[in-house]
Amino acid sequence: SISRKMSSHCLSRFRYCPCCGSDQFSVLDDRSKHCAECGFVFYLNASAATVALIRNPKGELLVVRRARHPGKGLLTLPGGFVDHGESIEEGCLREVREEVGVSGRIVRFLFSLPNRYPFSDFVVPTVDSFFEVAIDNPAAIVAGDDAEAAFWAAPEDLHLASFAMASVREGLARWLEEERRKTNASSFPTSS
């Protein structure tokens, strides 16, 4: 039932209408509440977030160790929430600058995945957009913002269980499988 879903949903804590203050702010469906007093409807839509897959000339992947919760001490890839007024691409490149101290450029959009991000005792639904990003100076990376460390790792040495977020684990598994397919495909001779 909707009520059961809402009890574990972050909107369950929003008891009063943000427009008129009425306590007649009740569940409309599994992602919204409605005020019976003034008619206001609030929807909890997914927040935009980004993940950057960055390789150096050796083919290693740039990995970050999280300095804060959720997932403090676990691994992730550079990325984060998109700010108001930013495109998803701008948000991705800003997060790369903030987390690892280098500027980059988007090479290509890869895919997107839903995620549930726990924050301040709420679960924020997100849609994480994965991008292949190129940087000019791989030797210049430094941990910044909410990164405890930033380092290069060979893709074959990555252990998905070491990564904090479910969407990053799933996205990384998908990317690694695509990389394996490309490698296997390039090892076969082509017919002329």
N, C-alpha and C. Protein backbone atom coordinates (compact mmCIF):
# COMPACT_ATOMS: atom_id res chain seq x y z
N SER A 1 0.84 -1.20 0.00
CA SER A 1 0.00 0.00 0.00
C SER A 1 0.86 1.24 0.00
N ILE A 2 0.28 2.35 -0.41
CA ILE A 2 1.01 3.62 -0.47
C ILE A 2 1.46 4.05 0.91
N SER A 3 0.60 3.91 1.92
CA SER A 3 0.97 4.33 3.28
C SER A 3 2.19 3.59 3.77
N ARG A 4 2.27 2.27 3.51
CA ARG A 4 3.43 1.49 3.93
C ARG A 4 4.68 1.98 3.21
N LYS A 5 4.57 2.26 1.90
CA LYS A 5 5.72 2.77 1.14
C LYS A 5 6.17 4.12 1.70
N MET A 6 5.22 4.97 2.05
CA MET A 6 5.56 6.31 2.52
C MET A 6 6.21 6.27 3.90
N SER A 7 5.92 5.26 4.72
CA SER A 7 6.53 5.23 6.05
C SER A 7 8.04 5.09 5.96
N SER A 8 8.55 4.49 4.89
CA SER A 8 9.99 4.37 4.73
C SER A 8 10.52 5.40 3.72
N HIS A 9 9.66 6.19 3.19
CA HIS A 9 10.01 7.19 2.19
C HIS A 9 10.29 8.51 2.88
N CYS A 10 11.23 9.29 2.37
CA CYS A 10 11.60 10.51 3.09
C CYS A 10 10.45 11.51 3.18
N LEU A 11 9.44 11.44 2.34
CA LEU A 11 8.31 12.36 2.47
C LEU A 11 7.48 12.09 3.73
N SER A 12 7.66 10.93 4.35
CA SER A 12 6.90 10.63 5.56
C SER A 12 7.24 11.60 6.69
N ARG A 13 8.40 12.20 6.65
CA ARG A 13 8.80 13.17 7.68
C ARG A 13 8.23 14.57 7.43
N PHE A 14 7.74 14.81 6.24
CA PHE A 14 7.17 16.11 5.93
C PHE A 14 5.70 16.08 6.33
N ARG A 15 5.42 16.56 7.54
CA ARG A 15 4.07 16.46 8.09
C ARG A 15 3.20 17.66 7.78
N TYR A 16 3.81 18.80 7.50
CA TYR A 16 3.05 20.03 7.30
C TYR A 16 3.26 20.58 5.90
N CYS A 17 2.22 21.14 5.35
CA CYS A 17 2.30 21.73 4.02
C CYS A 17 3.31 22.88 4.01
N PRO A 18 4.26 22.88 3.08
CA PRO A 18 5.24 23.97 3.05
C PRO A 18 4.63 25.29 2.56
N CYS A 19 3.43 25.27 2.00
CA CYS A 19 2.80 26.52 1.53
C CYS A 19 1.94 27.18 2.60
N CYS A 20 1.08 26.40 3.24
CA CYS A 20 0.15 27.02 4.20
C CYS A 20 0.35 26.56 5.63
N GLY A 21 1.18 25.54 5.85
CA GLY A 21 1.46 25.06 7.20
C GLY A 21 0.44 24.09 7.75
N SER A 22 -0.55 23.72 6.96
CA SER A 22 -1.60 22.82 7.42
C SER A 22 -1.04 21.43 7.72
N ASP A 23 -1.65 20.76 8.69
CA ASP A 23 -1.27 19.37 8.97
C ASP A 23 -2.09 18.40 8.13
N GLN A 24 -2.86 18.92 7.19
CA GLN A 24 -3.66 18.10 6.27
C GLN A 24 -2.83 17.77 5.02
N PHE A 25 -1.58 17.49 5.22
CA PHE A 25 -0.62 17.20 4.15
C PHE A 25 -0.48 15.68 4.11
N SER A 26 -1.13 15.03 3.15
CA SER A 26 -1.20 13.58 3.17
C SER A 26 -0.69 12.96 1.87
N VAL A 27 -0.49 11.66 1.94
CA VAL A 27 0.04 10.89 0.82
C VAL A 27 -0.91 10.97 -0.37
N LEU A 28 -0.37 11.32 -1.51
CA LEU A 28 -1.13 11.30 -2.76
C LEU A 28 -0.82 10.01 -3.52
N ASP A 29 0.47 9.73 -3.69
CA ASP A 29 0.92 8.47 -4.28
C ASP A 29 2.31 8.18 -3.74
N ASP A 30 3.01 7.22 -4.31
CA ASP A 30 4.28 6.78 -3.70
C ASP A 30 5.43 7.77 -3.82
N ARG A 31 5.21 8.91 -4.47
CA ARG A 31 6.27 9.91 -4.53
C ARG A 31 5.76 11.33 -4.34
N SER A 32 4.54 11.47 -3.82
CA SER A 32 4.02 12.82 -3.64
C SER A 32 3.08 12.91 -2.45
N LYS A 33 2.91 14.16 -1.99
CA LYS A 33 1.96 14.48 -0.93
C LYS A 33 1.11 15.65 -1.40
N HIS A 34 -0.11 15.71 -0.85
CA HIS A 34 -1.09 16.72 -1.25
C HIS A 34 -1.64 17.41 -0.01
N CYS A 35 -1.83 18.71 -0.09
CA CYS A 35 -2.43 19.47 1.00
C CYS A 35 -3.93 19.61 0.75
N ALA A 36 -4.74 19.06 1.66
CA ALA A 36 -6.19 19.16 1.53
C ALA A 36 -6.68 20.58 1.80
N GLU A 37 -5.87 21.38 2.48
CA GLU A 37 -6.25 22.75 2.85
C GLU A 37 -6.09 23.72 1.68
N CYS A 38 -4.89 23.75 1.04
CA CYS A 38 -4.64 24.74 -0.02
C CYS A 38 -4.48 24.14 -1.41
N GLY A 39 -4.42 22.80 -1.49
CA GLY A 39 -4.31 22.15 -2.78
C GLY A 39 -2.89 21.93 -3.30
N PHE A 40 -1.88 22.37 -2.55
CA PHE A 40 -0.50 22.22 -2.99
C PHE A 40 -0.13 20.73 -3.10
N VAL A 41 0.59 20.37 -4.16
CA VAL A 41 1.09 19.01 -4.34
C VAL A 41 2.61 19.08 -4.43
N PHE A 42 3.28 18.26 -3.63
CA PHE A 42 4.74 18.19 -3.67
C PHE A 42 5.16 16.83 -4.19
N TYR A 43 5.99 16.83 -5.23
CA TYR A 43 6.55 15.60 -5.80
C TYR A 43 8.01 15.48 -5.44
N LEU A 44 8.42 14.31 -5.04
CA LEU A 44 9.84 14.03 -4.81
C LEU A 44 10.37 13.38 -6.08
N ASN A 45 10.99 14.19 -6.93
CA ASN A 45 11.58 13.68 -8.17
C ASN A 45 13.04 13.33 -7.94
N ALA A 46 13.58 12.54 -8.82
CA ALA A 46 14.98 12.13 -8.70
C ALA A 46 15.91 13.32 -8.92
N SER A 47 16.97 13.39 -8.13
CA SER A 47 18.01 14.41 -8.30
C SER A 47 19.01 13.92 -9.34
N ALA A 48 19.56 14.86 -10.08
CA ALA A 48 20.57 14.53 -11.09
C ALA A 48 21.94 14.41 -10.44
N ALA A 49 22.65 13.35 -10.77
CA ALA A 49 24.00 13.14 -10.27
C ALA A 49 24.85 12.59 -11.41
N THR A 50 26.18 12.67 -11.24
CA THR A 50 27.09 12.26 -12.30
C THR A 50 28.17 11.33 -11.77
N VAL A 51 28.74 10.57 -12.69
CA VAL A 51 29.88 9.70 -12.40
C VAL A 51 30.82 9.81 -13.59
N ALA A 52 32.11 10.05 -13.31
CA ALA A 52 33.12 10.20 -14.37
C ALA A 52 34.04 8.98 -14.40
N LEU A 53 34.16 8.37 -15.57
CA LEU A 53 35.13 7.30 -15.79
C LEU A 53 36.30 7.93 -16.53
N ILE A 54 37.43 8.01 -15.86
CA ILE A 54 38.61 8.70 -16.37
C ILE A 54 39.77 7.71 -16.41
N ARG A 55 40.39 7.58 -17.58
CA ARG A 55 41.55 6.67 -17.72
C ARG A 55 42.80 7.47 -18.01
N ASN A 56 43.93 6.95 -17.55
CA ASN A 56 45.22 7.55 -17.89
C ASN A 56 45.80 6.82 -19.10
N PRO A 57 46.96 7.27 -19.63
CA PRO A 57 47.53 6.61 -20.81
C PRO A 57 47.86 5.13 -20.61
N LYS A 58 48.04 4.69 -19.36
CA LYS A 58 48.31 3.26 -19.09
C LYS A 58 47.02 2.44 -19.09
N GLY A 59 45.87 3.10 -19.20
CA GLY A 59 44.60 2.40 -19.16
C GLY A 59 44.02 2.24 -17.77
N GLU A 60 44.68 2.82 -16.77
CA GLU A 60 44.19 2.74 -15.40
C GLU A 60 43.00 3.69 -15.22
N LEU A 61 42.17 3.38 -14.24
CA LEU A 61 40.97 4.16 -13.96
C LEU A 61 41.19 5.00 -12.71
N LEU A 62 40.71 6.25 -12.74
CA LEU A 62 40.83 7.14 -11.59
C LEU A 62 39.76 6.78 -10.56
N VAL A 63 40.22 6.47 -9.35
CA VAL A 63 39.35 6.02 -8.26
C VAL A 63 39.53 6.97 -7.08
N VAL A 64 38.45 7.19 -6.34
CA VAL A 64 38.46 8.08 -5.18
C VAL A 64 38.05 7.28 -3.95
N ARG A 65 38.73 7.55 -2.82
CA ARG A 65 38.30 7.00 -1.54
C ARG A 65 37.50 8.08 -0.83
N ARG A 66 36.27 7.74 -0.41
CA ARG A 66 35.35 8.71 0.18
C ARG A 66 35.83 9.15 1.57
N ALA A 67 35.81 10.47 1.80
CA ALA A 67 36.21 11.03 3.09
C ALA A 67 35.02 11.20 4.04
N ARG A 68 33.79 11.10 3.50
CA ARG A 68 32.59 11.33 4.31
C ARG A 68 31.57 10.24 4.08
N HIS A 69 30.62 10.19 5.01
CA HIS A 69 29.48 9.28 4.84
C HIS A 69 28.51 9.90 3.85
N PRO A 70 27.77 9.12 3.12
CA PRO A 70 27.70 7.67 3.19
C PRO A 70 28.90 7.01 2.54
N GLY A 71 29.30 5.89 3.06
CA GLY A 71 30.39 5.12 2.47
C GLY A 71 31.78 5.63 2.80
N LYS A 72 31.93 6.33 3.92
CA LYS A 72 33.25 6.84 4.30
C LYS A 72 34.27 5.70 4.29
N GLY A 73 35.42 5.93 3.64
CA GLY A 73 36.48 4.94 3.57
C GLY A 73 36.36 3.97 2.40
N LEU A 74 35.18 3.92 1.79
CA LEU A 74 34.99 3.05 0.63
C LEU A 74 35.35 3.81 -0.65
N LEU A 75 35.37 3.09 -1.74
CA LEU A 75 35.76 3.68 -3.02
C LEU A 75 34.56 4.20 -3.79
N THR A 76 34.85 5.09 -4.71
CA THR A 76 33.87 5.59 -5.67
C THR A 76 34.63 6.10 -6.88
N LEU A 77 33.91 6.64 -7.82
CA LEU A 77 34.49 7.31 -8.97
C LEU A 77 34.17 8.79 -8.83
N PRO A 78 34.96 9.70 -9.41
CA PRO A 78 34.64 11.12 -9.29
C PRO A 78 33.22 11.41 -9.78
N GLY A 79 32.54 12.28 -9.06
CA GLY A 79 31.19 12.65 -9.46
C GLY A 79 30.41 13.19 -8.28
N GLY A 80 29.15 13.47 -8.52
CA GLY A 80 28.31 13.99 -7.45
C GLY A 80 27.06 14.65 -8.01
N PHE A 81 26.38 15.39 -7.14
CA PHE A 81 25.12 16.03 -7.51
C PHE A 81 25.33 17.20 -8.46
N VAL A 82 24.40 17.39 -9.36
CA VAL A 82 24.39 18.53 -10.27
C VAL A 82 23.76 19.69 -9.53
N ASP A 83 24.37 20.87 -9.60
CA ASP A 83 23.84 22.06 -8.95
C ASP A 83 22.76 22.72 -9.80
N HIS A 84 21.94 23.53 -9.14
CA HIS A 84 20.95 24.33 -9.87
C HIS A 84 21.65 25.20 -10.90
N GLY A 85 21.10 25.30 -12.08
CA GLY A 85 21.67 26.16 -13.12
C GLY A 85 22.78 25.51 -13.92
N GLU A 86 23.15 24.27 -13.61
CA GLU A 86 24.19 23.56 -14.35
C GLU A 86 23.55 22.53 -15.27
N SER A 87 24.22 22.27 -16.39
CA SER A 87 23.85 21.09 -17.18
C SER A 87 24.48 19.88 -16.49
N ILE A 88 24.04 18.71 -16.87
CA ILE A 88 24.63 17.49 -16.29
C ILE A 88 26.11 17.42 -16.62
N GLU A 89 26.46 17.80 -17.86
CA GLU A 89 27.88 17.78 -18.27
C GLU A 89 28.70 18.77 -17.44
N GLU A 90 28.17 19.99 -17.23
CA GLU A 90 28.88 20.98 -16.41
C GLU A 90 29.06 20.47 -14.99
N GLY A 91 28.01 19.85 -14.44
CA GLY A 91 28.10 19.30 -13.09
C GLY A 91 29.16 18.21 -12.98
N CYS A 92 29.23 17.37 -13.99
CA CYS A 92 30.23 16.30 -13.99
C CYS A 92 31.65 16.88 -13.97
N LEU A 93 31.90 17.85 -14.83
CA LEU A 93 33.25 18.44 -14.91
C LEU A 93 33.59 19.25 -13.67
N ARG A 94 32.60 19.92 -13.06
CA ARG A 94 32.84 20.65 -11.81
C ARG A 94 33.21 19.66 -10.70
N GLU A 95 32.48 18.55 -10.61
CA GLU A 95 32.78 17.55 -9.59
C GLU A 95 34.19 16.96 -9.78
N VAL A 96 34.59 16.74 -11.02
CA VAL A 96 35.95 16.25 -11.28
C VAL A 96 36.97 17.26 -10.76
N ARG A 97 36.77 18.56 -11.06
CA ARG A 97 37.69 19.59 -10.57
C ARG A 97 37.73 19.61 -9.05
N GLU A 98 36.55 19.55 -8.41
CA GLU A 98 36.49 19.63 -6.95
C GLU A 98 37.09 18.41 -6.28
N GLU A 99 36.85 17.23 -6.82
CA GLU A 99 37.28 16.00 -6.14
C GLU A 99 38.71 15.59 -6.43
N VAL A 100 39.20 15.86 -7.65
CA VAL A 100 40.55 15.39 -7.98
C VAL A 100 41.45 16.49 -8.53
N GLY A 101 40.97 17.74 -8.53
CA GLY A 101 41.82 18.89 -8.82
C GLY A 101 42.26 19.09 -10.25
N VAL A 102 41.61 18.46 -11.21
CA VAL A 102 41.99 18.63 -12.61
C VAL A 102 40.78 18.99 -13.46
N SER A 103 41.04 19.69 -14.55
CA SER A 103 39.99 20.00 -15.51
C SER A 103 39.91 18.89 -16.54
N GLY A 104 38.73 18.73 -17.08
CA GLY A 104 38.55 17.69 -18.08
C GLY A 104 37.55 18.08 -19.13
N ARG A 105 37.28 17.15 -20.00
CA ARG A 105 36.25 17.36 -21.04
C ARG A 105 35.49 16.06 -21.20
N ILE A 106 34.22 16.20 -21.50
CA ILE A 106 33.38 15.04 -21.71
C ILE A 106 33.76 14.41 -23.06
N VAL A 107 34.05 13.13 -23.06
CA VAL A 107 34.32 12.40 -24.29
C VAL A 107 33.01 11.85 -24.84
N ARG A 108 32.25 11.19 -23.94
CA ARG A 108 30.94 10.67 -24.37
C ARG A 108 30.10 10.29 -23.16
N PHE A 109 28.79 10.37 -23.37
CA PHE A 109 27.83 9.88 -22.40
C PHE A 109 27.78 8.37 -22.54
N LEU A 110 27.80 7.65 -21.43
CA LEU A 110 27.77 6.19 -21.47
C LEU A 110 26.38 5.63 -21.23
N PHE A 111 25.78 5.94 -20.07
CA PHE A 111 24.46 5.43 -19.71
C PHE A 111 24.05 6.11 -18.40
N SER A 112 22.84 5.85 -17.95
CA SER A 112 22.40 6.36 -16.65
C SER A 112 21.77 5.21 -15.86
N LEU A 113 21.82 5.35 -14.53
CA LEU A 113 21.27 4.33 -13.63
C LEU A 113 20.58 5.01 -12.45
N PRO A 114 19.50 4.43 -11.96
CA PRO A 114 18.87 4.98 -10.76
C PRO A 114 19.70 4.61 -9.53
N ASN A 115 19.60 5.44 -8.50
CA ASN A 115 20.32 5.18 -7.26
C ASN A 115 19.48 5.70 -6.10
N ARG A 116 19.79 5.22 -4.92
CA ARG A 116 19.18 5.71 -3.68
C ARG A 116 20.33 6.15 -2.79
N TYR A 117 20.42 7.46 -2.53
CA TYR A 117 21.54 8.05 -1.83
C TYR A 117 21.12 8.41 -0.40
N PRO A 118 21.63 7.71 0.61
CA PRO A 118 21.26 8.04 1.98
C PRO A 118 21.97 9.30 2.45
N PHE A 119 21.19 10.25 2.96
CA PHE A 119 21.78 11.51 3.40
C PHE A 119 20.91 12.11 4.51
N SER A 120 21.49 12.46 5.64
CA SER A 120 20.77 13.08 6.76
C SER A 120 19.51 12.31 7.13
N ASP A 121 19.63 11.03 7.26
CA ASP A 121 18.51 10.16 7.62
C ASP A 121 17.38 10.14 6.59
N PHE A 122 17.65 10.58 5.38
CA PHE A 122 16.71 10.49 4.28
C PHE A 122 17.34 9.63 3.19
N VAL A 123 16.52 9.13 2.31
CA VAL A 123 17.02 8.45 1.12
C VAL A 123 16.61 9.30 -0.07
N VAL A 124 17.61 9.86 -0.74
CA VAL A 124 17.38 10.74 -1.88
C VAL A 124 17.43 9.90 -3.15
N PRO A 125 16.33 9.86 -3.92
CA PRO A 125 16.39 9.14 -5.20
C PRO A 125 17.20 9.97 -6.20
N THR A 126 18.12 9.33 -6.89
CA THR A 126 18.92 10.03 -7.90
C THR A 126 18.89 9.27 -9.22
N VAL A 127 19.25 9.97 -10.27
CA VAL A 127 19.55 9.34 -11.55
C VAL A 127 21.00 9.73 -11.83
N ASP A 128 21.87 8.72 -11.86
CA ASP A 128 23.31 8.95 -12.03
C ASP A 128 23.67 8.77 -13.50
N SER A 129 24.20 9.85 -14.10
CA SER A 129 24.65 9.81 -15.50
C SER A 129 26.14 9.53 -15.53
N PHE A 130 26.52 8.50 -16.27
CA PHE A 130 27.91 8.07 -16.37
C PHE A 130 28.52 8.63 -17.66
N PHE A 131 29.70 9.25 -17.52
CA PHE A 131 30.39 9.85 -18.65
C PHE A 131 31.82 9.34 -18.71
N GLU A 132 32.32 9.19 -19.93
CA GLU A 132 33.75 9.01 -20.13
C GLU A 132 34.33 10.42 -20.20
N VAL A 133 35.33 10.68 -19.37
CA VAL A 133 35.92 12.02 -19.27
C VAL A 133 37.42 11.90 -19.53
N ALA A 134 37.95 12.85 -20.29
CA ALA A 134 39.40 12.92 -20.53
C ALA A 134 39.95 14.11 -19.75
N ILE A 135 41.14 13.94 -19.17
CA ILE A 135 41.82 15.04 -18.48
C ILE A 135 43.16 15.27 -19.14
N ASP A 136 43.65 16.51 -19.02
CA ASP A 136 44.90 16.88 -19.69
C ASP A 136 46.14 16.39 -18.95
N ASN A 137 46.11 16.37 -17.62
CA ASN A 137 47.31 16.08 -16.86
C ASN A 137 47.04 15.01 -15.79
N PRO A 138 47.08 13.73 -16.17
CA PRO A 138 46.81 12.66 -15.19
C PRO A 138 47.75 12.67 -13.98
N ALA A 139 48.94 13.24 -14.12
CA ALA A 139 49.90 13.26 -13.01
C ALA A 139 49.53 14.32 -11.97
N ALA A 140 48.60 15.22 -12.29
CA ALA A 140 48.28 16.34 -11.41
C ALA A 140 47.11 16.07 -10.46
N ILE A 141 46.59 14.85 -10.42
CA ILE A 141 45.42 14.61 -9.57
C ILE A 141 45.78 14.76 -8.09
N VAL A 142 44.88 15.36 -7.34
CA VAL A 142 45.00 15.51 -5.90
C VAL A 142 43.62 15.31 -5.29
N ALA A 143 43.56 14.71 -4.12
CA ALA A 143 42.28 14.52 -3.45
C ALA A 143 41.80 15.86 -2.92
N GLY A 144 40.55 16.17 -3.16
CA GLY A 144 39.96 17.42 -2.68
C GLY A 144 38.51 17.19 -2.32
N ASP A 145 37.83 18.24 -1.92
CA ASP A 145 36.40 18.22 -1.58
C ASP A 145 36.11 17.07 -0.62
N ASP A 146 35.30 16.11 -1.02
CA ASP A 146 34.97 15.01 -0.10
C ASP A 146 35.75 13.73 -0.40
N ALA A 147 36.91 13.88 -1.04
CA ALA A 147 37.77 12.73 -1.35
C ALA A 147 38.90 12.64 -0.32
N GLU A 148 39.06 11.48 0.27
CA GLU A 148 40.17 11.23 1.19
C GLU A 148 41.45 10.96 0.40
N ALA A 149 41.31 10.29 -0.74
CA ALA A 149 42.44 9.95 -1.60
C ALA A 149 41.94 9.80 -3.03
N ALA A 150 42.82 10.03 -3.97
CA ALA A 150 42.54 9.80 -5.39
C ALA A 150 43.74 9.06 -5.97
N PHE A 151 43.47 8.00 -6.72
CA PHE A 151 44.58 7.20 -7.24
C PHE A 151 44.14 6.46 -8.50
N TRP A 152 45.13 5.96 -9.22
CA TRP A 152 44.89 5.20 -10.44
C TRP A 152 44.92 3.72 -10.12
N ALA A 153 44.00 2.96 -10.71
CA ALA A 153 43.96 1.51 -10.49
C ALA A 153 43.70 0.81 -11.81
N ALA A 154 44.37 -0.31 -11.99
CA ALA A 154 44.12 -1.13 -13.18
C ALA A 154 42.71 -1.69 -13.09
N PRO A 155 41.95 -1.65 -14.18
CA PRO A 155 40.57 -2.16 -14.13
C PRO A 155 40.47 -3.59 -13.59
N GLU A 156 41.42 -4.43 -13.91
CA GLU A 156 41.36 -5.83 -13.44
C GLU A 156 41.59 -5.95 -11.94
N ASP A 157 42.12 -4.91 -11.30
CA ASP A 157 42.37 -4.94 -9.86
C ASP A 157 41.20 -4.38 -9.05
N LEU A 158 40.17 -3.91 -9.71
CA LEU A 158 39.03 -3.32 -8.99
C LEU A 158 38.11 -4.40 -8.44
N HIS A 159 37.70 -4.24 -7.20
CA HIS A 159 36.76 -5.15 -6.55
C HIS A 159 35.47 -4.37 -6.31
N LEU A 160 34.42 -4.75 -6.98
CA LEU A 160 33.16 -4.00 -6.92
C LEU A 160 32.65 -3.85 -5.50
N ALA A 161 32.87 -4.84 -4.65
CA ALA A 161 32.40 -4.76 -3.27
C ALA A 161 33.06 -3.63 -2.48
N SER A 162 34.18 -3.10 -2.98
CA SER A 162 34.88 -2.00 -2.31
C SER A 162 34.27 -0.64 -2.61
N PHE A 163 33.28 -0.60 -3.51
CA PHE A 163 32.68 0.67 -3.92
C PHE A 163 31.40 0.94 -3.13
N ALA A 164 31.25 2.20 -2.71
CA ALA A 164 30.19 2.59 -1.77
C ALA A 164 28.78 2.53 -2.35
N MET A 165 28.56 3.05 -3.50
CA MET A 165 27.20 3.23 -4.02
C MET A 165 26.80 2.10 -4.97
N ALA A 166 25.57 1.65 -4.82
CA ALA A 166 25.06 0.55 -5.67
C ALA A 166 25.12 0.92 -7.14
N SER A 167 24.76 2.16 -7.48
CA SER A 167 24.77 2.55 -8.90
C SER A 167 26.19 2.57 -9.46
N VAL A 168 27.17 2.97 -8.65
CA VAL A 168 28.56 2.97 -9.11
C VAL A 168 29.04 1.54 -9.31
N ARG A 169 28.69 0.64 -8.39
CA ARG A 169 29.06 -0.78 -8.55
C ARG A 169 28.44 -1.33 -9.84
N GLU A 170 27.16 -1.07 -10.04
CA GLU A 170 26.48 -1.57 -11.23
C GLU A 170 27.05 -0.93 -12.51
N GLY A 171 27.28 0.37 -12.47
CA GLY A 171 27.83 1.06 -13.64
C GLY A 171 29.24 0.61 -13.97
N LEU A 172 30.04 0.42 -12.93
CA LEU A 172 31.41 -0.05 -13.13
C LEU A 172 31.41 -1.46 -13.70
N ALA A 173 30.54 -2.33 -13.20
CA ALA A 173 30.43 -3.70 -13.73
C ALA A 173 30.04 -3.65 -15.21
N ARG A 174 29.11 -2.79 -15.54
CA ARG A 174 28.66 -2.65 -16.93
C ARG A 174 29.80 -2.15 -17.81
N TRP A 175 30.53 -1.14 -17.33
CA TRP A 175 31.65 -0.57 -18.10
C TRP A 175 32.75 -1.61 -18.27
N LEU A 176 33.08 -2.36 -17.19
CA LEU A 176 34.13 -3.38 -17.27
C LEU A 176 33.75 -4.46 -18.28
N GLU A 177 32.48 -4.86 -18.31
CA GLU A 177 32.02 -5.86 -19.27
C GLU A 177 32.15 -5.32 -20.70
N GLU A 178 31.81 -4.07 -20.90
CA GLU A 178 31.97 -3.45 -22.23
C GLU A 178 33.44 -3.42 -22.64
N GLU A 179 34.31 -3.10 -21.70
CA GLU A 179 35.75 -3.08 -21.98
C GLU A 179 36.26 -4.48 -22.33
N ARG A 180 35.78 -5.50 -21.61
CA ARG A 180 36.18 -6.88 -21.92
C ARG A 180 35.73 -7.29 -23.31
N ARG A 181 34.50 -6.93 -23.66
CA ARG A 181 33.99 -7.26 -25.00
C ARG A 181 34.83 -6.58 -26.08
N LYS A 182 35.19 -5.32 -25.86
CA LYS A 182 36.02 -4.60 -26.85
C LYS A 182 37.37 -5.26 -26.99
N THR A 183 37.97 -5.65 -25.85
CA THR A 183 39.28 -6.30 -25.88
C THR A 183 39.20 -7.64 -26.60
N ASN A 184 38.19 -8.44 -26.30
CA ASN A 184 38.03 -9.74 -26.95
C ASN A 184 37.75 -9.59 -28.43
N ALA A 185 36.94 -8.61 -28.80
CA ALA A 185 36.62 -8.38 -30.20
C ALA A 185 37.85 -7.95 -30.98
N SER A 186 38.73 -7.17 -30.34
CA SER A 186 39.92 -6.69 -31.06
C SER A 186 40.97 -7.79 -31.20
N SER A 187 40.83 -8.88 -30.45
CA SER A 187 41.83 -9.96 -30.55
C SER A 187 41.53 -10.94 -31.67
N PHE A 188 40.33 -10.81 -32.27
CA PHE A 188 39.96 -11.69 -33.38
C PHE A 188 40.37 -11.04 -34.70
N PRO A 189 40.93 -11.82 -35.62
CA PRO A 189 41.28 -11.23 -36.92
C PRO A 189 40.01 -10.89 -37.70
N THR A 190 40.10 -9.83 -38.48
CA THR A 190 38.96 -9.45 -39.31
C THR A 190 39.14 -10.03 -40.69
N SER A 191 38.03 -10.34 -41.33
CA SER A 191 38.12 -10.90 -42.70
C SER A 191 38.28 -9.75 -43.68
N SER A 192 38.97 -10.00 -44.77
CA SER A 192 39.16 -8.96 -45.78
C SER A 192 38.37 -9.26 -47.01
